[in-house]
Amino acid sequence: MSTVRFRAGRVSYDPETKIATPDPIQGQITIKPSEEDESFYSFEWVPKEAAVNVEKEELLVIPGDVQWKHIPNAKDGRVFELSFLSSSARHLFWLQDINEFDDDDKLDQLSEKDKATFAKIQKIFEPVEEQEDEEQMEESVPEVAAEPTLQA
């Protein structure tokens, strides 16, 4: 099991106005194996600086019960949503690492680093059965023997 760590801030969302506003507090997200159960993960957002009235956010994540998805219509930056399938809980975050695109029209486009981080998170959040199936398939692939040579 691996640990993923990257810089991100939280995003406040108003469901009435449907407006998402990035919070100015910078922070870091860490996704690591949970100490409570080896099949769960700890999702933790910690503010970068000791800010007044800003507490860290800790969530217990069960693979298969969460989704980490890019919100492409957030044109001011790269915003992701952590949503729980077993409830209506949603948490929004914006990536803080500088994007490789200088063009203001591309603030929402993912860099290669963003895509690699996204892929790691997707792998962690896969249902356990899918991860086990992939491992079993890798183990059960038969070795191909060399073709016999014909002798005259």
N, C-alpha and C. Protein backbone atom coordinates (compact mmCIF):
# COMPACT_ATOMS: atom_id res chain seq x y z
N MET A 1 0.85 -1.19 0.00
CA MET A 1 0.00 0.00 0.00
C MET A 1 0.89 1.24 0.00
N SER A 2 0.49 2.18 -0.78
CA SER A 2 1.33 3.36 -0.93
C SER A 2 0.69 4.59 -0.30
N THR A 3 1.52 5.61 -0.14
CA THR A 3 1.08 6.89 0.39
C THR A 3 1.17 7.91 -0.73
N VAL A 4 0.15 8.76 -0.84
CA VAL A 4 0.13 9.84 -1.83
C VAL A 4 0.05 11.15 -1.05
N ARG A 5 0.88 12.11 -1.44
CA ARG A 5 0.91 13.39 -0.75
C ARG A 5 1.05 14.50 -1.80
N PHE A 6 0.21 15.55 -1.69
CA PHE A 6 0.29 16.66 -2.63
C PHE A 6 -0.33 17.90 -2.01
N ARG A 7 0.05 19.05 -2.55
CA ARG A 7 -0.44 20.33 -2.03
C ARG A 7 -1.83 20.63 -2.60
N ALA A 8 -2.73 21.01 -1.70
CA ALA A 8 -4.10 21.33 -2.14
C ALA A 8 -4.78 22.19 -1.08
N GLY A 9 -5.69 23.01 -1.53
CA GLY A 9 -6.52 23.81 -0.63
C GLY A 9 -7.95 23.33 -0.72
N ARG A 10 -8.74 23.73 0.25
CA ARG A 10 -10.14 23.34 0.23
C ARG A 10 -10.95 24.35 -0.58
N VAL A 11 -12.10 23.91 -1.02
CA VAL A 11 -13.01 24.75 -1.80
C VAL A 11 -14.36 24.74 -1.09
N SER A 12 -14.91 25.94 -0.85
CA SER A 12 -16.25 26.05 -0.27
C SER A 12 -17.26 26.07 -1.40
N TYR A 13 -18.35 25.33 -1.21
CA TYR A 13 -19.38 25.25 -2.25
C TYR A 13 -20.72 25.66 -1.66
N ASP A 14 -21.40 26.58 -2.34
CA ASP A 14 -22.73 27.02 -1.94
C ASP A 14 -23.75 26.36 -2.87
N PRO A 15 -24.51 25.37 -2.37
CA PRO A 15 -25.45 24.66 -3.25
C PRO A 15 -26.58 25.53 -3.78
N GLU A 16 -26.92 26.61 -3.06
CA GLU A 16 -28.00 27.48 -3.54
C GLU A 16 -27.57 28.29 -4.76
N THR A 17 -26.39 28.88 -4.68
CA THR A 17 -25.90 29.69 -5.80
C THR A 17 -25.09 28.87 -6.80
N LYS A 18 -24.72 27.65 -6.38
CA LYS A 18 -23.88 26.75 -7.19
C LYS A 18 -22.54 27.38 -7.52
N ILE A 19 -22.00 28.12 -6.55
CA ILE A 19 -20.71 28.76 -6.73
C ILE A 19 -19.69 28.10 -5.80
N ALA A 20 -18.56 27.71 -6.38
CA ALA A 20 -17.45 27.13 -5.63
C ALA A 20 -16.37 28.19 -5.48
N THR A 21 -15.91 28.39 -4.25
CA THR A 21 -14.92 29.42 -3.97
C THR A 21 -13.71 28.79 -3.28
N PRO A 22 -12.53 28.87 -3.90
CA PRO A 22 -11.34 28.32 -3.25
C PRO A 22 -11.02 29.08 -1.96
N ASP A 23 -10.79 28.34 -0.88
CA ASP A 23 -10.37 28.97 0.37
C ASP A 23 -8.91 29.40 0.21
N PRO A 24 -8.54 30.56 0.77
CA PRO A 24 -7.17 31.06 0.58
C PRO A 24 -6.11 30.28 1.38
N ILE A 25 -6.53 29.46 2.31
CA ILE A 25 -5.58 28.71 3.14
C ILE A 25 -4.96 27.57 2.32
N GLN A 26 -3.64 27.56 2.25
CA GLN A 26 -2.97 26.48 1.55
C GLN A 26 -2.83 25.28 2.49
N GLY A 27 -2.71 24.11 1.90
CA GLY A 27 -2.59 22.91 2.72
C GLY A 27 -2.00 21.75 1.95
N GLN A 28 -2.08 20.60 2.59
CA GLN A 28 -1.54 19.38 1.99
C GLN A 28 -2.49 18.22 2.25
N ILE A 29 -2.69 17.41 1.23
CA ILE A 29 -3.49 16.20 1.35
C ILE A 29 -2.54 15.01 1.43
N THR A 30 -2.82 14.12 2.37
CA THR A 30 -2.07 12.88 2.50
C THR A 30 -3.08 11.74 2.51
N ILE A 31 -2.88 10.77 1.64
CA ILE A 31 -3.70 9.56 1.60
C ILE A 31 -2.75 8.42 1.92
N LYS A 32 -3.04 7.73 3.02
CA LYS A 32 -2.14 6.66 3.46
C LYS A 32 -2.97 5.53 4.07
N PRO A 33 -2.37 4.34 4.19
CA PRO A 33 -3.09 3.24 4.82
C PRO A 33 -3.53 3.63 6.23
N SER A 34 -4.75 3.23 6.58
CA SER A 34 -5.31 3.56 7.88
C SER A 34 -4.68 2.70 8.97
N GLU A 35 -4.52 3.27 10.13
CA GLU A 35 -4.02 2.51 11.27
C GLU A 35 -5.13 1.65 11.87
N GLU A 36 -6.40 1.97 11.57
CA GLU A 36 -7.53 1.23 12.11
C GLU A 36 -7.74 -0.11 11.43
N ASP A 37 -7.57 -0.15 10.12
CA ASP A 37 -7.82 -1.37 9.35
C ASP A 37 -6.94 -1.31 8.11
N GLU A 38 -6.26 -2.39 7.82
CA GLU A 38 -5.33 -2.38 6.69
C GLU A 38 -6.00 -2.26 5.33
N SER A 39 -7.31 -2.49 5.25
CA SER A 39 -8.01 -2.36 3.96
C SER A 39 -8.62 -0.97 3.77
N PHE A 40 -8.49 -0.09 4.76
CA PHE A 40 -9.00 1.28 4.68
C PHE A 40 -7.85 2.25 4.48
N TYR A 41 -8.21 3.48 4.12
CA TYR A 41 -7.21 4.54 3.97
C TYR A 41 -7.62 5.75 4.79
N SER A 42 -6.62 6.50 5.18
CA SER A 42 -6.82 7.76 5.88
C SER A 42 -6.61 8.87 4.85
N PHE A 43 -7.60 9.75 4.71
CA PHE A 43 -7.52 10.91 3.83
C PHE A 43 -7.44 12.11 4.75
N GLU A 44 -6.34 12.83 4.68
CA GLU A 44 -6.12 13.93 5.64
C GLU A 44 -5.73 15.20 4.90
N TRP A 45 -6.43 16.29 5.21
CA TRP A 45 -6.04 17.61 4.71
C TRP A 45 -5.56 18.40 5.92
N VAL A 46 -4.35 18.96 5.81
CA VAL A 46 -3.75 19.72 6.90
C VAL A 46 -3.38 21.10 6.37
N PRO A 47 -3.78 22.18 7.08
CA PRO A 47 -3.39 23.52 6.62
C PRO A 47 -1.88 23.69 6.69
N LYS A 48 -1.35 24.46 5.74
CA LYS A 48 0.09 24.67 5.66
C LYS A 48 0.61 25.44 6.87
N GLU A 49 -0.09 26.45 7.24
CA GLU A 49 0.31 27.27 8.39
C GLU A 49 -0.74 27.13 9.47
N ALA A 50 -0.34 27.42 10.68
CA ALA A 50 -1.30 27.38 11.78
C ALA A 50 -2.24 28.58 11.62
N ALA A 51 -3.36 28.34 10.99
CA ALA A 51 -4.33 29.41 10.74
C ALA A 51 -5.37 29.42 11.86
N VAL A 52 -5.88 30.59 12.14
CA VAL A 52 -6.88 30.75 13.18
C VAL A 52 -8.18 30.08 12.74
N ASN A 53 -8.73 29.26 13.59
CA ASN A 53 -10.01 28.57 13.35
C ASN A 53 -10.01 27.64 12.13
N VAL A 54 -8.86 27.15 11.74
CA VAL A 54 -8.79 26.21 10.64
C VAL A 54 -8.21 24.91 11.18
N GLU A 55 -9.01 23.87 11.17
CA GLU A 55 -8.57 22.59 11.67
C GLU A 55 -8.30 21.64 10.53
N LYS A 56 -7.47 20.67 10.81
CA LYS A 56 -7.23 19.67 9.78
C LYS A 56 -8.49 18.84 9.60
N GLU A 57 -8.58 18.21 8.45
CA GLU A 57 -9.75 17.40 8.11
C GLU A 57 -9.27 15.97 7.93
N GLU A 58 -9.85 15.04 8.68
CA GLU A 58 -9.48 13.63 8.58
C GLU A 58 -10.70 12.81 8.21
N LEU A 59 -10.54 11.98 7.19
CA LEU A 59 -11.64 11.14 6.72
C LEU A 59 -11.14 9.71 6.58
N LEU A 60 -11.99 8.76 6.94
CA LEU A 60 -11.68 7.35 6.75
C LEU A 60 -12.27 6.94 5.40
N VAL A 61 -11.44 6.38 4.55
CA VAL A 61 -11.84 6.05 3.19
C VAL A 61 -11.81 4.53 3.01
N ILE A 62 -12.90 4.01 2.48
CA ILE A 62 -12.99 2.59 2.15
C ILE A 62 -12.95 2.47 0.63
N PRO A 63 -11.94 1.81 0.09
CA PRO A 63 -11.88 1.66 -1.37
C PRO A 63 -13.19 1.10 -1.92
N GLY A 64 -13.67 1.69 -3.00
CA GLY A 64 -14.93 1.29 -3.59
C GLY A 64 -16.10 2.14 -3.14
N ASP A 65 -15.93 2.87 -2.02
CA ASP A 65 -16.99 3.73 -1.49
C ASP A 65 -16.76 5.20 -1.82
N VAL A 66 -15.63 5.53 -2.44
CA VAL A 66 -15.31 6.91 -2.74
C VAL A 66 -14.92 7.08 -4.20
N GLN A 67 -15.08 8.31 -4.65
CA GLN A 67 -14.62 8.67 -6.00
C GLN A 67 -13.80 9.94 -5.88
N TRP A 68 -12.74 10.01 -6.65
CA TRP A 68 -11.91 11.21 -6.76
C TRP A 68 -12.00 11.63 -8.21
N LYS A 69 -12.67 12.75 -8.45
CA LYS A 69 -12.87 13.13 -9.85
C LYS A 69 -12.54 14.59 -10.09
N HIS A 70 -12.05 14.84 -11.29
CA HIS A 70 -11.72 16.18 -11.74
C HIS A 70 -13.00 16.91 -12.10
N ILE A 71 -13.11 18.18 -11.71
CA ILE A 71 -14.27 19.01 -12.05
C ILE A 71 -13.83 19.92 -13.21
N PRO A 72 -14.12 19.51 -14.44
CA PRO A 72 -13.60 20.25 -15.59
C PRO A 72 -14.24 21.61 -15.82
N ASN A 73 -15.42 21.86 -15.26
CA ASN A 73 -16.05 23.17 -15.49
C ASN A 73 -15.60 24.23 -14.49
N ALA A 74 -14.62 23.93 -13.65
CA ALA A 74 -14.01 24.93 -12.77
C ALA A 74 -12.88 25.57 -13.57
N LYS A 75 -13.15 26.67 -14.22
CA LYS A 75 -12.20 27.26 -15.17
C LYS A 75 -11.09 28.09 -14.53
N ASP A 76 -11.19 28.37 -13.21
CA ASP A 76 -10.18 29.19 -12.54
C ASP A 76 -9.02 28.39 -11.98
N GLY A 77 -9.07 27.07 -12.10
CA GLY A 77 -8.02 26.23 -11.55
C GLY A 77 -8.39 24.77 -11.64
N ARG A 78 -7.54 23.94 -11.07
CA ARG A 78 -7.75 22.49 -11.12
C ARG A 78 -8.43 22.05 -9.83
N VAL A 79 -9.70 21.75 -9.93
CA VAL A 79 -10.52 21.40 -8.77
C VAL A 79 -10.91 19.93 -8.85
N PHE A 80 -10.84 19.26 -7.69
CA PHE A 80 -11.21 17.85 -7.58
C PHE A 80 -12.24 17.67 -6.49
N GLU A 81 -13.06 16.65 -6.67
CA GLU A 81 -14.10 16.32 -5.69
C GLU A 81 -13.85 14.93 -5.13
N LEU A 82 -13.90 14.83 -3.82
CA LEU A 82 -13.90 13.54 -3.13
C LEU A 82 -15.34 13.31 -2.70
N SER A 83 -15.98 12.30 -3.28
CA SER A 83 -17.38 12.03 -2.94
C SER A 83 -17.51 10.61 -2.43
N PHE A 84 -18.38 10.46 -1.45
CA PHE A 84 -18.65 9.16 -0.84
C PHE A 84 -19.93 8.59 -1.45
N LEU A 85 -19.86 7.36 -1.92
CA LEU A 85 -21.00 6.73 -2.57
C LEU A 85 -22.07 6.31 -1.57
N SER A 86 -21.67 6.00 -0.33
CA SER A 86 -22.61 5.54 0.68
C SER A 86 -23.36 6.68 1.36
N SER A 87 -22.97 7.90 1.06
CA SER A 87 -23.65 9.07 1.62
C SER A 87 -23.59 10.19 0.58
N SER A 88 -24.11 11.31 0.92
CA SER A 88 -24.06 12.44 -0.02
C SER A 88 -22.89 13.38 0.29
N ALA A 89 -21.95 12.93 1.10
CA ALA A 89 -20.81 13.78 1.49
C ALA A 89 -19.91 14.06 0.29
N ARG A 90 -19.57 15.34 0.15
CA ARG A 90 -18.69 15.80 -0.92
C ARG A 90 -17.68 16.78 -0.35
N HIS A 91 -16.44 16.66 -0.79
CA HIS A 91 -15.39 17.56 -0.36
C HIS A 91 -14.65 18.02 -1.61
N LEU A 92 -14.47 19.33 -1.75
CA LEU A 92 -13.81 19.88 -2.92
C LEU A 92 -12.44 20.43 -2.54
N PHE A 93 -11.47 20.25 -3.45
CA PHE A 93 -10.11 20.71 -3.22
C PHE A 93 -9.54 21.28 -4.51
N TRP A 94 -8.65 22.27 -4.38
CA TRP A 94 -7.98 22.82 -5.55
C TRP A 94 -6.49 22.54 -5.44
N LEU A 95 -5.89 22.17 -6.56
CA LEU A 95 -4.46 21.85 -6.58
C LEU A 95 -3.66 23.14 -6.56
N GLN A 96 -2.61 23.15 -5.75
CA GLN A 96 -1.85 24.38 -5.54
C GLN A 96 -0.51 24.42 -6.26
N ASP A 97 -0.01 23.28 -6.72
CA ASP A 97 1.24 23.32 -7.45
C ASP A 97 1.04 24.12 -8.72
N ILE A 98 2.05 24.87 -9.10
CA ILE A 98 1.96 25.70 -10.29
C ILE A 98 1.78 24.80 -11.51
N ASN A 99 0.82 25.18 -12.34
CA ASN A 99 0.53 24.42 -13.54
C ASN A 99 1.58 24.74 -14.60
N GLU A 100 1.87 23.79 -15.45
CA GLU A 100 2.87 23.99 -16.50
C GLU A 100 2.37 24.87 -17.63
N PHE A 101 1.07 25.17 -17.65
CA PHE A 101 0.50 26.00 -18.71
C PHE A 101 0.52 27.46 -18.28
N ASP A 102 1.12 28.32 -19.11
CA ASP A 102 1.18 29.74 -18.81
C ASP A 102 -0.08 30.48 -19.23
N ASP A 103 -0.84 29.89 -20.12
CA ASP A 103 -2.02 30.51 -20.69
C ASP A 103 -3.16 30.53 -19.67
N ASP A 104 -3.74 31.72 -19.41
CA ASP A 104 -4.85 31.84 -18.46
C ASP A 104 -6.08 31.07 -18.90
N ASP A 105 -6.18 30.75 -20.18
CA ASP A 105 -7.32 29.99 -20.68
C ASP A 105 -7.19 28.50 -20.37
N LYS A 106 -6.04 28.10 -19.82
CA LYS A 106 -5.80 26.68 -19.55
C LYS A 106 -5.59 26.40 -18.06
N LEU A 107 -6.09 27.26 -17.19
CA LEU A 107 -5.89 27.08 -15.75
C LEU A 107 -6.52 25.79 -15.23
N ASP A 108 -7.53 25.28 -15.93
CA ASP A 108 -8.23 24.07 -15.49
C ASP A 108 -7.61 22.79 -16.05
N GLN A 109 -6.62 22.91 -16.93
CA GLN A 109 -6.05 21.72 -17.56
C GLN A 109 -5.03 21.06 -16.63
N LEU A 110 -5.06 19.74 -16.62
CA LEU A 110 -4.18 18.98 -15.75
C LEU A 110 -2.79 18.83 -16.36
N SER A 111 -1.78 19.01 -15.53
CA SER A 111 -0.41 18.79 -15.96
C SER A 111 -0.12 17.28 -15.92
N GLU A 112 1.03 16.89 -16.42
CA GLU A 112 1.41 15.48 -16.37
C GLU A 112 1.54 15.01 -14.92
N LYS A 113 2.05 15.87 -14.05
CA LYS A 113 2.16 15.54 -12.63
C LYS A 113 0.77 15.34 -12.01
N ASP A 114 -0.16 16.22 -12.37
CA ASP A 114 -1.55 16.09 -11.88
C ASP A 114 -2.15 14.76 -12.32
N LYS A 115 -1.93 14.41 -13.59
CA LYS A 115 -2.48 13.17 -14.13
C LYS A 115 -1.89 11.95 -13.42
N ALA A 116 -0.60 12.00 -13.11
CA ALA A 116 0.05 10.89 -12.41
C ALA A 116 -0.51 10.75 -10.99
N THR A 117 -0.70 11.87 -10.31
CA THR A 117 -1.28 11.85 -8.96
C THR A 117 -2.70 11.32 -9.02
N PHE A 118 -3.48 11.78 -10.00
CA PHE A 118 -4.86 11.32 -10.18
C PHE A 118 -4.90 9.81 -10.37
N ALA A 119 -4.01 9.27 -11.19
CA ALA A 119 -3.97 7.83 -11.46
C ALA A 119 -3.65 7.05 -10.18
N LYS A 120 -2.71 7.55 -9.37
CA LYS A 120 -2.38 6.88 -8.11
C LYS A 120 -3.58 6.83 -7.18
N ILE A 121 -4.29 7.95 -7.09
CA ILE A 121 -5.46 8.02 -6.21
C ILE A 121 -6.55 7.09 -6.72
N GLN A 122 -6.79 7.08 -8.03
CA GLN A 122 -7.79 6.19 -8.61
C GLN A 122 -7.47 4.73 -8.25
N LYS A 123 -6.20 4.37 -8.33
CA LYS A 123 -5.78 2.99 -8.02
C LYS A 123 -6.06 2.67 -6.55
N ILE A 124 -5.75 3.59 -5.66
CA ILE A 124 -5.99 3.38 -4.22
C ILE A 124 -7.48 3.23 -3.94
N PHE A 125 -8.31 4.02 -4.61
CA PHE A 125 -9.74 4.04 -4.33
C PHE A 125 -10.53 2.96 -5.06
N GLU A 126 -9.86 2.14 -5.88
CA GLU A 126 -10.55 1.03 -6.55
C GLU A 126 -11.12 0.08 -5.52
N PRO A 127 -12.25 -0.53 -5.82
CA PRO A 127 -12.77 -1.56 -4.91
C PRO A 127 -11.73 -2.67 -4.72
N VAL A 128 -11.65 -3.21 -3.54
CA VAL A 128 -10.66 -4.23 -3.22
C VAL A 128 -10.75 -5.42 -4.16
N GLU A 129 -11.96 -5.83 -4.54
CA GLU A 129 -12.12 -6.97 -5.43
C GLU A 129 -11.40 -6.74 -6.75
N GLU A 130 -11.49 -5.52 -7.30
CA GLU A 130 -10.84 -5.23 -8.58
C GLU A 130 -9.33 -5.33 -8.44
N GLN A 131 -8.78 -4.82 -7.32
CA GLN A 131 -7.35 -4.89 -7.10
C GLN A 131 -6.91 -6.35 -7.00
N GLU A 132 -7.68 -7.17 -6.27
CA GLU A 132 -7.34 -8.58 -6.12
C GLU A 132 -7.44 -9.31 -7.45
N ASP A 133 -8.48 -9.00 -8.25
CA ASP A 133 -8.64 -9.63 -9.55
C ASP A 133 -7.44 -9.35 -10.45
N GLU A 134 -6.97 -8.09 -10.44
CA GLU A 134 -5.82 -7.72 -11.26
C GLU A 134 -4.58 -8.49 -10.82
N GLU A 135 -4.38 -8.61 -9.49
CA GLU A 135 -3.22 -9.34 -8.98
C GLU A 135 -3.31 -10.81 -9.34
N GLN A 136 -4.51 -11.40 -9.24
CA GLN A 136 -4.68 -12.81 -9.59
C GLN A 136 -4.44 -13.04 -11.07
N MET A 137 -4.89 -12.11 -11.90
CA MET A 137 -4.67 -12.25 -13.34
C MET A 137 -3.18 -12.22 -13.64
N GLU A 138 -2.45 -11.32 -12.97
CA GLU A 138 -1.01 -11.24 -13.19
C GLU A 138 -0.33 -12.54 -12.76
N GLU A 139 -0.80 -13.13 -11.65
CA GLU A 139 -0.20 -14.35 -11.14
C GLU A 139 -0.58 -15.56 -11.98
N SER A 140 -1.77 -15.56 -12.58
CA SER A 140 -2.27 -16.75 -13.28
C SER A 140 -1.93 -16.78 -14.76
N VAL A 141 -1.22 -15.81 -15.26
CA VAL A 141 -0.85 -15.82 -16.67
C VAL A 141 0.16 -16.94 -16.87
N PRO A 142 -0.18 -17.92 -17.69
CA PRO A 142 0.73 -19.06 -17.87
C PRO A 142 1.95 -18.64 -18.67
N GLU A 143 3.04 -19.31 -18.34
CA GLU A 143 4.26 -19.05 -19.10
C GLU A 143 4.14 -19.78 -20.43
N VAL A 144 4.61 -19.15 -21.46
CA VAL A 144 4.55 -19.75 -22.78
C VAL A 144 5.87 -20.47 -23.02
N ALA A 145 5.74 -21.73 -23.27
CA ALA A 145 6.94 -22.52 -23.54
C ALA A 145 7.43 -22.21 -24.94
N ALA A 146 8.70 -22.38 -25.12
CA ALA A 146 9.27 -22.16 -26.45
C ALA A 146 8.68 -23.19 -27.41
N GLU A 147 8.48 -22.77 -28.63
CA GLU A 147 7.91 -23.69 -29.61
C GLU A 147 8.93 -24.80 -29.89
N PRO A 148 8.42 -26.02 -30.02
CA PRO A 148 9.36 -27.11 -30.29
C PRO A 148 9.98 -26.93 -31.67
N THR A 149 11.20 -27.33 -31.76
CA THR A 149 11.85 -27.25 -33.06
C THR A 149 11.71 -28.60 -33.75
N LEU A 150 11.49 -28.54 -35.02
CA LEU A 150 11.33 -29.75 -35.80
C LEU A 150 12.71 -30.20 -36.29
N GLN A 151 12.94 -31.44 -36.13
CA GLN A 151 14.20 -31.96 -36.64
C GLN A 151 13.92 -32.86 -37.82
N ALA A 152 14.73 -32.72 -38.82
CA ALA A 152 14.51 -33.52 -40.03
C ALA A 152 15.19 -34.85 -39.93
